[in-house]
Amino acid sequence: MDNNNMTENKKGFLQNDRRLVCSMFVFYGICIIGLIAATFWRLNNIRETTAANATATAVINATQHANATSTAVARVTEQAQYEIIDRFEVESDRWFVGSNNNEYWRGDVGIKDGTYIWNVDEVKKTFVWWGDFYLGEHIKDFDVYVDTKFVDGTFGDVCSGLIFRKSPDGWNDGGYTFSICNDSHFEIDYHGKDGWESIVSWLSSDSIRPEDWNRIEVSARGNNFTFTINDIFVFETIDDRQKEGGLAVFIELNKKNPAIIWFDNFGYQSR
């Protein structure tokens, strides 16, 4: 009798154990399925969020590009209405031209096929040389731009740009320069009785295209100057040393290597 009860009890315990084990399997199975579902939900949510962020970024980039394009178009439209625009279509005595052979360099400067060409065959000393704008030496507030291109020259040796507010009393009495160089950096300097003084030196800019045309621009309002490269604002400064002066395009050769620099589309607007 006791043995039978013991057998029945064992069977009951075994049945209960089986139920417990089955329940645990079911419970753990539900948990695992839940974890898998949650993981897939989380991954899908991440994918949707990433896709949404990518779409938003693309929209922002497209908007910025559209705004930049719109600004550039508006700027070109405005510049096309400047009071003086010289496209160098014909040779003129308004700009420095001719063969040159002095203590600094030997070469030719001329206007041909709509381009103001500076061909430097030999550099005897490192130098800065310019061609004056014909309007005069007492220019105050203005916007001015010019296109320039480095056709030939050793990397990092060749720069070109604009001189502005060059003193009527001569270069040594004051003047500013804004130049870009063929290693994609730009400089803004002042030259006076004490020589060169850097306002900003060797500042790299992605807006410079070393092997293509670059449009550089200076805007002067009183003692405030802003500087633009290819329709991209790059620098602003305040300097009151020169109230007025002449404008010029210029080249700079920093080592004794030949070079070719072009200019085109000089535009001027008094303000």
C-alpha atoms as a PDB file:
ATOM      1  CA  MET A   1       0.000   0.000   0.000  1.00  0.00           C
ATOM      2  CA  ASP A   2       2.726   2.382   0.881  1.00  0.00           C
ATOM      3  CA  ASN A   3       4.685   1.329  -2.151  1.00  0.00           C
ATOM      4  CA  ASN A   4       1.720   2.106  -4.373  1.00  0.00           C
ATOM      5  CA  ASN A   5       1.339   5.520  -2.795  1.00  0.00           C
ATOM      6  CA  MET A   6       5.012   6.156  -3.285  1.00  0.00           C
ATOM      7  CA  THR A   7       4.717   5.175  -6.932  1.00  0.00           C
ATOM      8  CA  GLU A   8       1.729   7.420  -7.423  1.00  0.00           C
ATOM      9  CA  ASN A   9       3.525  10.267  -5.663  1.00  0.00           C
ATOM     10  CA  LYS A  10       6.542   9.821  -7.890  1.00  0.00           C
ATOM     11  CA  LYS A  11       4.321   9.888 -10.954  1.00  0.00           C
ATOM     12  CA  GLY A  12       2.669  13.045  -9.694  1.00  0.00           C
ATOM     13  CA  PHE A  13       6.014  14.653  -9.026  1.00  0.00           C
ATOM     14  CA  LEU A  14       7.248  13.683 -12.488  1.00  0.00           C
ATOM     15  CA  GLN A  15       4.109  15.074 -14.082  1.00  0.00           C
ATOM     16  CA  ASN A  16       4.508  18.287 -12.119  1.00  0.00           C
ATOM     17  CA  ASP A  17       8.157  18.501 -13.121  1.00  0.00           C
ATOM     18  CA  ARG A  18       7.225  18.042 -16.744  1.00  0.00           C
ATOM     19  CA  ARG A  19       4.624  20.787 -16.480  1.00  0.00           C
ATOM     20  CA  LEU A  20       7.151  23.051 -14.800  1.00  0.00           C
ATOM     21  CA  VAL A  21       9.786  22.352 -17.404  1.00  0.00           C
ATOM     22  CA  CYS A  22       7.283  22.881 -20.207  1.00  0.00           C
ATOM     23  CA  SER A  23       6.104  26.097 -18.614  1.00  0.00           C
ATOM     24  CA  MET A  24       9.668  27.282 -18.307  1.00  0.00           C
ATOM     25  CA  PHE A  25      10.359  26.418 -21.953  1.00  0.00           C
ATOM     26  CA  VAL A  26       7.220  28.259 -22.987  1.00  0.00           C
ATOM     27  CA  PHE A  27       8.144  31.243 -20.810  1.00  0.00           C
ATOM     28  CA  TYR A  28      11.704  31.393 -22.060  1.00  0.00           C
ATOM     29  CA  GLY A  29      10.523  30.873 -25.621  1.00  0.00           C
ATOM     30  CA  ILE A  30       8.152  33.821 -25.301  1.00  0.00           C
ATOM     31  CA  CYS A  31      10.983  35.891 -23.819  1.00  0.00           C
ATOM     32  CA  ILE A  32      13.343  34.951 -26.650  1.00  0.00           C
ATOM     33  CA  ILE A  33      10.704  35.691 -29.275  1.00  0.00           C
ATOM     34  CA  GLY A  34      10.039  38.994 -27.539  1.00  0.00           C
ATOM     35  CA  LEU A  35      13.730  39.859 -27.509  1.00  0.00           C
ATOM     36  CA  ILE A  36      14.060  38.956 -31.180  1.00  0.00           C
ATOM     37  CA  ALA A  37      11.000  41.034 -32.036  1.00  0.00           C
ATOM     38  CA  ALA A  38      12.292  43.950 -29.975  1.00  0.00           C
ATOM     39  CA  THR A  39      15.671  43.688 -31.673  1.00  0.00           C
ATOM     40  CA  PHE A  40      14.094  43.716 -35.129  1.00  0.00           C
ATOM     41  CA  TRP A  41      11.860  46.608 -34.108  1.00  0.00           C
ATOM     42  CA  ARG A  42      14.882  48.519 -32.814  1.00  0.00           C
ATOM     43  CA  LEU A  43      16.910  47.839 -35.975  1.00  0.00           C
ATOM     44  CA  ASN A  44      13.997  48.882 -38.158  1.00  0.00           C
ATOM     45  CA  ASN A  45      13.544  52.020 -36.081  1.00  0.00           C
ATOM     46  CA  ILE A  46      17.253  52.818 -36.445  1.00  0.00           C
ATOM     47  CA  ARG A  47      17.047  52.264 -40.211  1.00  0.00           C
ATOM     48  CA  GLU A  48      13.992  54.523 -40.466  1.00  0.00           C
ATOM     49  CA  THR A  49      15.682  57.196 -38.317  1.00  0.00           C
ATOM     50  CA  THR A  50      18.876  56.964 -40.355  1.00  0.00           C
ATOM     51  CA  ALA A  51      16.932  57.209 -43.581  1.00  0.00           C
ATOM     52  CA  ALA A  52      14.984  60.192 -42.243  1.00  0.00           C
ATOM     53  CA  ASN A  53      18.189  61.913 -41.113  1.00  0.00           C
ATOM     54  CA  ALA A  54      19.843  61.212 -44.460  1.00  0.00           C
ATOM     55  CA  THR A  55      16.824  62.667 -46.248  1.00  0.00           C
ATOM     56  CA  ALA A  56      16.858  65.718 -43.970  1.00  0.00           C
ATOM     57  CA  THR A  57      20.605  66.185 -44.553  1.00  0.00           C
ATOM     58  CA  ALA A  58      20.129  65.861 -48.289  1.00  0.00           C
ATOM     59  CA  VAL A  59      17.352  68.459 -48.151  1.00  0.00           C
ATOM     60  CA  ILE A  60      19.568  70.811 -46.104  1.00  0.00           C
ATOM     61  CA  ASN A  61      22.503  70.320 -48.486  1.00  0.00           C
ATOM     62  CA  ALA A  62      20.274  70.838 -51.495  1.00  0.00           C
ATOM     63  CA  THR A  63      18.828  73.983 -49.912  1.00  0.00           C
ATOM     64  CA  GLN A  64      22.282  75.317 -49.093  1.00  0.00           C
ATOM     65  CA  HIS A  65      23.481  74.545 -52.616  1.00  0.00           C
ATOM     66  CA  ALA A  66      20.415  76.225 -54.085  1.00  0.00           C
ATOM     67  CA  ASN A  67      20.929  79.276 -51.871  1.00  0.00           C
ATOM     68  CA  ALA A  68      24.625  79.430 -52.780  1.00  0.00           C
ATOM     69  CA  THR A  69      23.777  79.117 -56.472  1.00  0.00           C
ATOM     70  CA  SER A  70      21.100  81.779 -56.161  1.00  0.00           C
ATOM     71  CA  THR A  71      23.517  84.108 -54.361  1.00  0.00           C
ATOM     72  CA  ALA A  72      26.220  83.523 -56.974  1.00  0.00           C
ATOM     73  CA  VAL A  73      23.781  84.202 -59.827  1.00  0.00           C
ATOM     74  CA  ALA A  74      22.595  87.380 -58.134  1.00  0.00           C
ATOM     75  CA  ARG A  75      26.196  88.473 -57.586  1.00  0.00           C
ATOM     76  CA  VAL A  76      27.148  87.842 -61.210  1.00  0.00           C
ATOM     77  CA  THR A  77      24.043  89.755 -62.313  1.00  0.00           C
ATOM     78  CA  GLU A  78      25.018  92.681 -60.102  1.00  0.00           C
ATOM     79  CA  GLN A  79      28.617  92.648 -61.305  1.00  0.00           C
ATOM     80  CA  ALA A  80      27.456  92.651 -64.925  1.00  0.00           C
ATOM     81  CA  GLN A  81      25.999  96.108 -64.236  1.00  0.00           C
ATOM     82  CA  TYR A  82      29.200  97.685 -62.868  1.00  0.00           C
ATOM     83  CA  GLU A  83      30.055 101.076 -64.309  1.00  0.00           C
ATOM     84  CA  ILE A  84      33.377  99.840 -65.738  1.00  0.00           C
ATOM     85  CA  ILE A  85      33.951  96.322 -67.071  1.00  0.00           C
ATOM     86  CA  ASP A  86      37.100  95.564 -69.036  1.00  0.00           C
ATOM     87  CA  ARG A  87      37.132  92.176 -70.771  1.00  0.00           C
ATOM     88  CA  PHE A  88      40.529  92.818 -72.394  1.00  0.00           C
ATOM     89  CA  GLU A  89      39.091  92.279 -75.839  1.00  0.00           C
ATOM     90  CA  VAL A  90      41.474  94.722 -77.506  1.00  0.00           C
ATOM     91  CA  GLU A  91      44.941  95.968 -76.599  1.00  0.00           C
ATOM     92  CA  SER A  92      44.805  99.305 -74.852  1.00  0.00           C
ATOM     93  CA  ASP A  93      47.203 101.851 -73.437  1.00  0.00           C
ATOM     94  CA  ARG A  94      45.045 101.926 -70.327  1.00  0.00           C
ATOM     95  CA  TRP A  95      46.984  98.980 -68.918  1.00  0.00           C
ATOM     96  CA  PHE A  96      50.670  98.225 -68.570  1.00  0.00           C
ATOM     97  CA  VAL A  97      51.847  96.253 -71.641  1.00  0.00           C
ATOM     98  CA  GLY A  98      55.102  95.581 -73.446  1.00  0.00           C
ATOM     99  CA  SER A  99      58.412  93.781 -73.080  1.00  0.00           C
ATOM    100  CA  ASN A 100      60.149  94.056 -69.757  1.00  0.00           C
ATOM    101  CA  ASN A 101      63.764  93.457 -68.745  1.00  0.00           C
ATOM    102  CA  ASN A 102      64.871  95.029 -65.481  1.00  0.00           C
ATOM    103  CA  GLU A 103      66.724  94.045 -62.341  1.00  0.00           C
ATOM    104  CA  TYR A 104      63.787  91.924 -61.163  1.00  0.00           C
ATOM    105  CA  TRP A 105      62.436  90.036 -64.165  1.00  0.00           C
ATOM    106  CA  ARG A 106      62.383  89.562 -67.905  1.00  0.00           C
ATOM    107  CA  GLY A 107      59.263  88.849 -69.918  1.00  0.00           C
ATOM    108  CA  ASP A 108      56.282  90.220 -71.846  1.00  0.00           C
ATOM    109  CA  VAL A 109      52.921  91.648 -70.848  1.00  0.00           C
ATOM    110  CA  GLY A 110      50.169  91.937 -73.418  1.00  0.00           C
ATOM    111  CA  ILE A 111      46.471  91.716 -74.201  1.00  0.00           C
ATOM    112  CA  LYS A 112      45.428  88.988 -76.618  1.00  0.00           C
ATOM    113  CA  ASP A 113      42.203  87.072 -77.328  1.00  0.00           C
ATOM    114  CA  GLY A 114      40.369  88.626 -74.396  1.00  0.00           C
ATOM    115  CA  THR A 115      43.112  87.960 -71.860  1.00  0.00           C
ATOM    116  CA  TYR A 116      45.631  90.152 -70.047  1.00  0.00           C
ATOM    117  CA  ILE A 117      48.738  87.940 -70.217  1.00  0.00           C
ATOM    118  CA  TRP A 118      51.790  88.180 -67.973  1.00  0.00           C
ATOM    119  CA  ASN A 119      54.560  85.961 -69.312  1.00  0.00           C
ATOM    120  CA  VAL A 120      57.570  85.871 -66.951  1.00  0.00           C
ATOM    121  CA  ASP A 121      60.497  84.186 -68.707  1.00  0.00           C
ATOM    122  CA  GLU A 122      63.137  84.880 -66.060  1.00  0.00           C
ATOM    123  CA  VAL A 123      63.030  85.871 -62.395  1.00  0.00           C
ATOM    124  CA  LYS A 124      66.192  87.682 -61.331  1.00  0.00           C
ATOM    125  CA  LYS A 125      64.894  88.637 -57.881  1.00  0.00           C
ATOM    126  CA  THR A 126      61.643  87.745 -56.167  1.00  0.00           C
ATOM    127  CA  PHE A 127      59.238  90.591 -56.894  1.00  0.00           C
ATOM    128  CA  VAL A 128      55.804  92.182 -56.960  1.00  0.00           C
ATOM    129  CA  TRP A 129      54.810  93.935 -60.205  1.00  0.00           C
ATOM    130  CA  TRP A 130      51.536  95.563 -61.152  1.00  0.00           C
ATOM    131  CA  GLY A 131      49.438  97.174 -63.842  1.00  0.00           C
ATOM    132  CA  ASP A 132      47.585 100.254 -62.590  1.00  0.00           C
ATOM    133  CA  PHE A 133      43.875 100.777 -63.119  1.00  0.00           C
ATOM    134  CA  TYR A 134      43.503 103.873 -65.273  1.00  0.00           C
ATOM    135  CA  LEU A 135      40.731 105.626 -63.300  1.00  0.00           C
ATOM    136  CA  GLY A 136      43.127 107.447 -60.979  1.00  0.00           C
ATOM    137  CA  GLU A 137      44.833 107.495 -57.599  1.00  0.00           C
ATOM    138  CA  HIS A 138      42.108 108.946 -55.364  1.00  0.00           C
ATOM    139  CA  ILE A 139      39.544 106.149 -55.274  1.00  0.00           C
ATOM    140  CA  LYS A 140      37.750 105.848 -51.927  1.00  0.00           C
ATOM    141  CA  ASP A 141      34.811 103.428 -51.566  1.00  0.00           C
ATOM    142  CA  PHE A 142      34.365 100.789 -54.260  1.00  0.00           C
ATOM    143  CA  ASP A 143      33.694  97.219 -55.312  1.00  0.00           C
ATOM    144  CA  VAL A 144      36.274  95.687 -57.637  1.00  0.00           C
ATOM    145  CA  TYR A 145      36.794  92.218 -59.053  1.00  0.00           C
ATOM    146  CA  VAL A 146      39.015  90.439 -61.542  1.00  0.00           C
ATOM    147  CA  ASP A 147      39.383  86.897 -62.869  1.00  0.00           C
ATOM    148  CA  THR A 148      42.865  85.396 -62.669  1.00  0.00           C
ATOM    149  CA  LYS A 149      44.409  82.071 -63.677  1.00  0.00           C
ATOM    150  CA  PHE A 150      47.761  80.380 -63.045  1.00  0.00           C
ATOM    151  CA  VAL A 151      48.729  78.985 -66.442  1.00  0.00           C
ATOM    152  CA  ASP A 152      52.286  77.977 -65.566  1.00  0.00           C
ATOM    153  CA  GLY A 153      54.559  78.169 -62.549  1.00  0.00           C
ATOM    154  CA  THR A 154      56.108  76.160 -59.734  1.00  0.00           C
ATOM    155  CA  PHE A 155      53.644  75.071 -57.059  1.00  0.00           C
ATOM    156  CA  GLY A 156      53.549  77.555 -54.195  1.00  0.00           C
ATOM    157  CA  ASP A 157      55.723  80.149 -55.965  1.00  0.00           C
ATOM    158  CA  VAL A 158      53.143  82.161 -57.912  1.00  0.00           C
ATOM    159  CA  CYS A 159      50.503  84.595 -56.640  1.00  0.00           C
ATOM    160  CA  SER A 160      48.270  87.184 -58.283  1.00  0.00           C
ATOM    161  CA  GLY A 161      45.615  89.592 -57.155  1.00  0.00           C
ATOM    162  CA  LEU A 162      44.519  93.164 -56.555  1.00  0.00           C
ATOM    163  CA  ILE A 163      46.259  96.201 -55.107  1.00  0.00           C
ATOM    164  CA  PHE A 164      43.898  98.783 -53.620  1.00  0.00           C
ATOM    165  CA  ARG A 165      44.181 102.188 -51.976  1.00  0.00           C
ATOM    166  CA  LYS A 166      47.729 102.523 -53.212  1.00  0.00           C
ATOM    167  CA  SER A 167      48.950 105.920 -52.011  1.00  0.00           C
ATOM    168  CA  PRO A 168      49.005 108.728 -54.611  1.00  0.00           C
ATOM    169  CA  ASP A 169      52.469 109.529 -53.231  1.00  0.00           C
ATOM    170  CA  GLY A 170      53.850 106.136 -54.185  1.00  0.00           C
ATOM    171  CA  TRP A 171      53.916 102.480 -53.206  1.00  0.00           C
ATOM    172  CA  ASN A 172      56.198 103.076 -50.222  1.00  0.00           C
ATOM    173  CA  ASP A 173      53.675 105.508 -48.725  1.00  0.00           C
ATOM    174  CA  GLY A 174      51.012 102.856 -48.335  1.00  0.00           C
ATOM    175  CA  GLY A 175      48.820 100.342 -50.085  1.00  0.00           C
ATOM    176  CA  TYR A 176      46.981  97.047 -49.572  1.00  0.00           C
ATOM    177  CA  THR A 177      47.192  93.778 -51.490  1.00  0.00           C
ATOM    178  CA  PHE A 178      44.796  90.840 -51.773  1.00  0.00           C
ATOM    179  CA  SER A 179      46.338  87.822 -53.476  1.00  0.00           C
ATOM    180  CA  ILE A 180      45.656  84.163 -54.109  1.00  0.00           C
ATOM    181  CA  CYS A 181      48.431  81.663 -54.815  1.00  0.00           C
ATOM    182  CA  ASN A 182      48.706  78.484 -56.845  1.00  0.00           C
ATOM    183  CA  ASP A 183      48.883  76.311 -53.708  1.00  0.00           C
ATOM    184  CA  SER A 184      45.335  77.392 -52.683  1.00  0.00           C
ATOM    185  CA  HIS A 185      46.196  79.930 -50.007  1.00  0.00           C
ATOM    186  CA  PHE A 186      45.443  83.637 -49.928  1.00  0.00           C
ATOM    187  CA  GLU A 187      47.077  86.635 -48.298  1.00  0.00           C
ATOM    188  CA  ILE A 188      46.095  90.186 -47.371  1.00  0.00           C
ATOM    189  CA  ASP A 189      48.964  92.591 -46.701  1.00  0.00           C
ATOM    190  CA  TYR A 190      49.780  96.224 -46.173  1.00  0.00           C
ATOM    191  CA  HIS A 191      52.891  97.819 -47.656  1.00  0.00           C
ATOM    192  CA  GLY A 192      54.242 101.119 -46.347  1.00  0.00           C
ATOM    193  CA  LYS A 193      57.352 102.960 -45.250  1.00  0.00           C
ATOM    194  CA  ASP A 194      58.298 100.107 -42.916  1.00  0.00           C
ATOM    195  CA  GLY A 195      57.895  97.483 -45.611  1.00  0.00           C
ATOM    196  CA  TRP A 196      55.420  94.602 -45.612  1.00  0.00           C
ATOM    197  CA  GLU A 197      52.951  93.971 -42.803  1.00  0.00           C
ATOM    198  CA  SER A 198      50.695  90.918 -42.922  1.00  0.00           C
ATOM    199  CA  ILE A 199      46.973  91.330 -42.198  1.00  0.00           C
ATOM    200  CA  VAL A 200      46.283  87.671 -42.888  1.00  0.00           C
ATOM    201  CA  SER A 201      48.975  85.322 -44.178  1.00  0.00           C
ATOM    202  CA  TRP A 202      48.974  81.856 -45.740  1.00  0.00           C
ATOM    203  CA  LEU A 203      45.329  81.100 -45.044  1.00  0.00           C
ATOM    204  CA  SER A 204      44.163  78.097 -47.085  1.00  0.00           C
ATOM    205  CA  SER A 205      40.796  78.157 -48.841  1.00  0.00           C
ATOM    206  CA  ASP A 206      38.898  75.432 -50.683  1.00  0.00           C
ATOM    207  CA  SER A 207      37.324  78.146 -52.804  1.00  0.00           C
ATOM    208  CA  ILE A 208      40.593  78.617 -54.738  1.00  0.00           C
ATOM    209  CA  ARG A 209      40.926  76.594 -57.955  1.00  0.00           C
ATOM    210  CA  PRO A 210      44.680  76.324 -58.657  1.00  0.00           C
ATOM    211  CA  GLU A 211      44.285  75.166 -62.264  1.00  0.00           C
ATOM    212  CA  ASP A 212      41.240  77.179 -63.289  1.00  0.00           C
ATOM    213  CA  TRP A 213      39.938  80.733 -63.355  1.00  0.00           C
ATOM    214  CA  ASN A 214      39.358  82.394 -59.983  1.00  0.00           C
ATOM    215  CA  ARG A 215      37.306  85.509 -59.399  1.00  0.00           C
ATOM    216  CA  ILE A 216      38.620  87.632 -56.534  1.00  0.00           C
ATOM    217  CA  GLU A 217      36.813  90.662 -55.190  1.00  0.00           C
ATOM    218  CA  VAL A 218      37.463  93.493 -52.746  1.00  0.00           C
ATOM    219  CA  SER A 219      34.792  95.748 -51.282  1.00  0.00           C
ATOM    220  CA  ALA A 220      35.849  98.928 -49.462  1.00  0.00           C
ATOM    221  CA  ARG A 221      33.575 101.055 -47.297  1.00  0.00           C
ATOM    222  CA  GLY A 222      35.502 103.595 -45.277  1.00  0.00           C
ATOM    223  CA  ASN A 223      37.918 101.599 -43.134  1.00  0.00           C
ATOM    224  CA  ASN A 224      36.029  98.308 -43.608  1.00  0.00           C
ATOM    225  CA  PHE A 225      37.174  95.802 -46.232  1.00  0.00           C
ATOM    226  CA  THR A 226      35.635  92.477 -47.262  1.00  0.00           C
ATOM    227  CA  PHE A 227      37.246  89.844 -49.485  1.00  0.00           C
ATOM    228  CA  THR A 228      35.623  87.232 -51.716  1.00  0.00           C
ATOM    229  CA  ILE A 229      36.969  84.332 -53.773  1.00  0.00           C
ATOM    230  CA  ASN A 230      34.710  82.707 -56.376  1.00  0.00           C
ATOM    231  CA  ASP A 231      31.596  84.215 -54.761  1.00  0.00           C
ATOM    232  CA  ILE A 232      32.603  82.873 -51.327  1.00  0.00           C
ATOM    233  CA  PHE A 233      33.260  85.364 -48.536  1.00  0.00           C
ATOM    234  CA  VAL A 234      36.679  84.587 -47.018  1.00  0.00           C
ATOM    235  CA  PHE A 235      37.717  87.509 -44.806  1.00  0.00           C
ATOM    236  CA  GLU A 236      36.794  90.905 -43.384  1.00  0.00           C
ATOM    237  CA  THR A 237      38.980  93.470 -41.670  1.00  0.00           C
ATOM    238  CA  ILE A 238      39.054  97.058 -40.426  1.00  0.00           C
ATOM    239  CA  ASP A 239      42.080  99.203 -41.235  1.00  0.00           C
ATOM    240  CA  ASP A 240      42.247 102.992 -41.386  1.00  0.00           C
ATOM    241  CA  ARG A 241      45.790 103.572 -42.651  1.00  0.00           C
ATOM    242  CA  GLN A 242      44.762 104.467 -46.211  1.00  0.00           C
ATOM    243  CA  LYS A 243      41.657 106.570 -46.854  1.00  0.00           C
ATOM    244  CA  GLU A 244      42.012 106.587 -50.638  1.00  0.00           C
ATOM    245  CA  GLY A 245      44.311 105.444 -53.411  1.00  0.00           C
ATOM    246  CA  GLY A 246      44.728 103.657 -56.703  1.00  0.00           C
ATOM    247  CA  LEU A 247      43.754 100.174 -57.878  1.00  0.00           C
ATOM    248  CA  ALA A 248      45.892  97.678 -59.782  1.00  0.00           C
ATOM    249  CA  VAL A 249      46.205  94.038 -60.744  1.00  0.00           C
ATOM    250  CA  PHE A 250      49.495  92.479 -59.726  1.00  0.00           C
ATOM    251  CA  ILE A 251      51.626  89.352 -59.768  1.00  0.00           C
ATOM    252  CA  GLU A 252      54.088  88.053 -57.186  1.00  0.00           C
ATOM    253  CA  LEU A 253      56.912  85.586 -57.795  1.00  0.00           C
ATOM    254  CA  ASN A 254      58.426  84.142 -54.630  1.00  0.00           C
ATOM    255  CA  LYS A 255      61.262  82.131 -56.192  1.00  0.00           C
ATOM    256  CA  LYS A 256      63.439  82.350 -59.277  1.00  0.00           C
ATOM    257  CA  ASN A 257      61.222  80.263 -61.543  1.00  0.00           C
ATOM    258  CA  PRO A 258      59.344  81.385 -64.692  1.00  0.00           C
ATOM    259  CA  ALA A 259      55.566  81.666 -64.710  1.00  0.00           C
ATOM    260  CA  ILE A 260      52.539  82.654 -66.780  1.00  0.00           C
ATOM    261  CA  ILE A 261      49.568  84.433 -65.198  1.00  0.00           C
ATOM    262  CA  TRP A 262      46.375  85.569 -66.898  1.00  0.00           C
ATOM    263  CA  PHE A 263      43.767  88.193 -65.999  1.00  0.00           C
ATOM    264  CA  ASP A 264      40.307  88.779 -67.431  1.00  0.00           C
ATOM    265  CA  ASN A 265      36.999  90.544 -66.721  1.00  0.00           C
ATOM    266  CA  PHE A 266      38.104  93.444 -64.559  1.00  0.00           C
ATOM    267  CA  GLY A 267      35.071  95.136 -63.015  1.00  0.00           C
ATOM    268  CA  TYR A 268      34.810  98.367 -61.002  1.00  0.00           C
ATOM    269  CA  GLN A 269      31.938 100.090 -59.236  1.00  0.00           C
ATOM    270  CA  SER A 270      32.294 103.254 -57.149  1.00  0.00           C
ATOM    271  CA  ARG A 271      30.295 103.370 -53.924  1.00  0.00           C
END
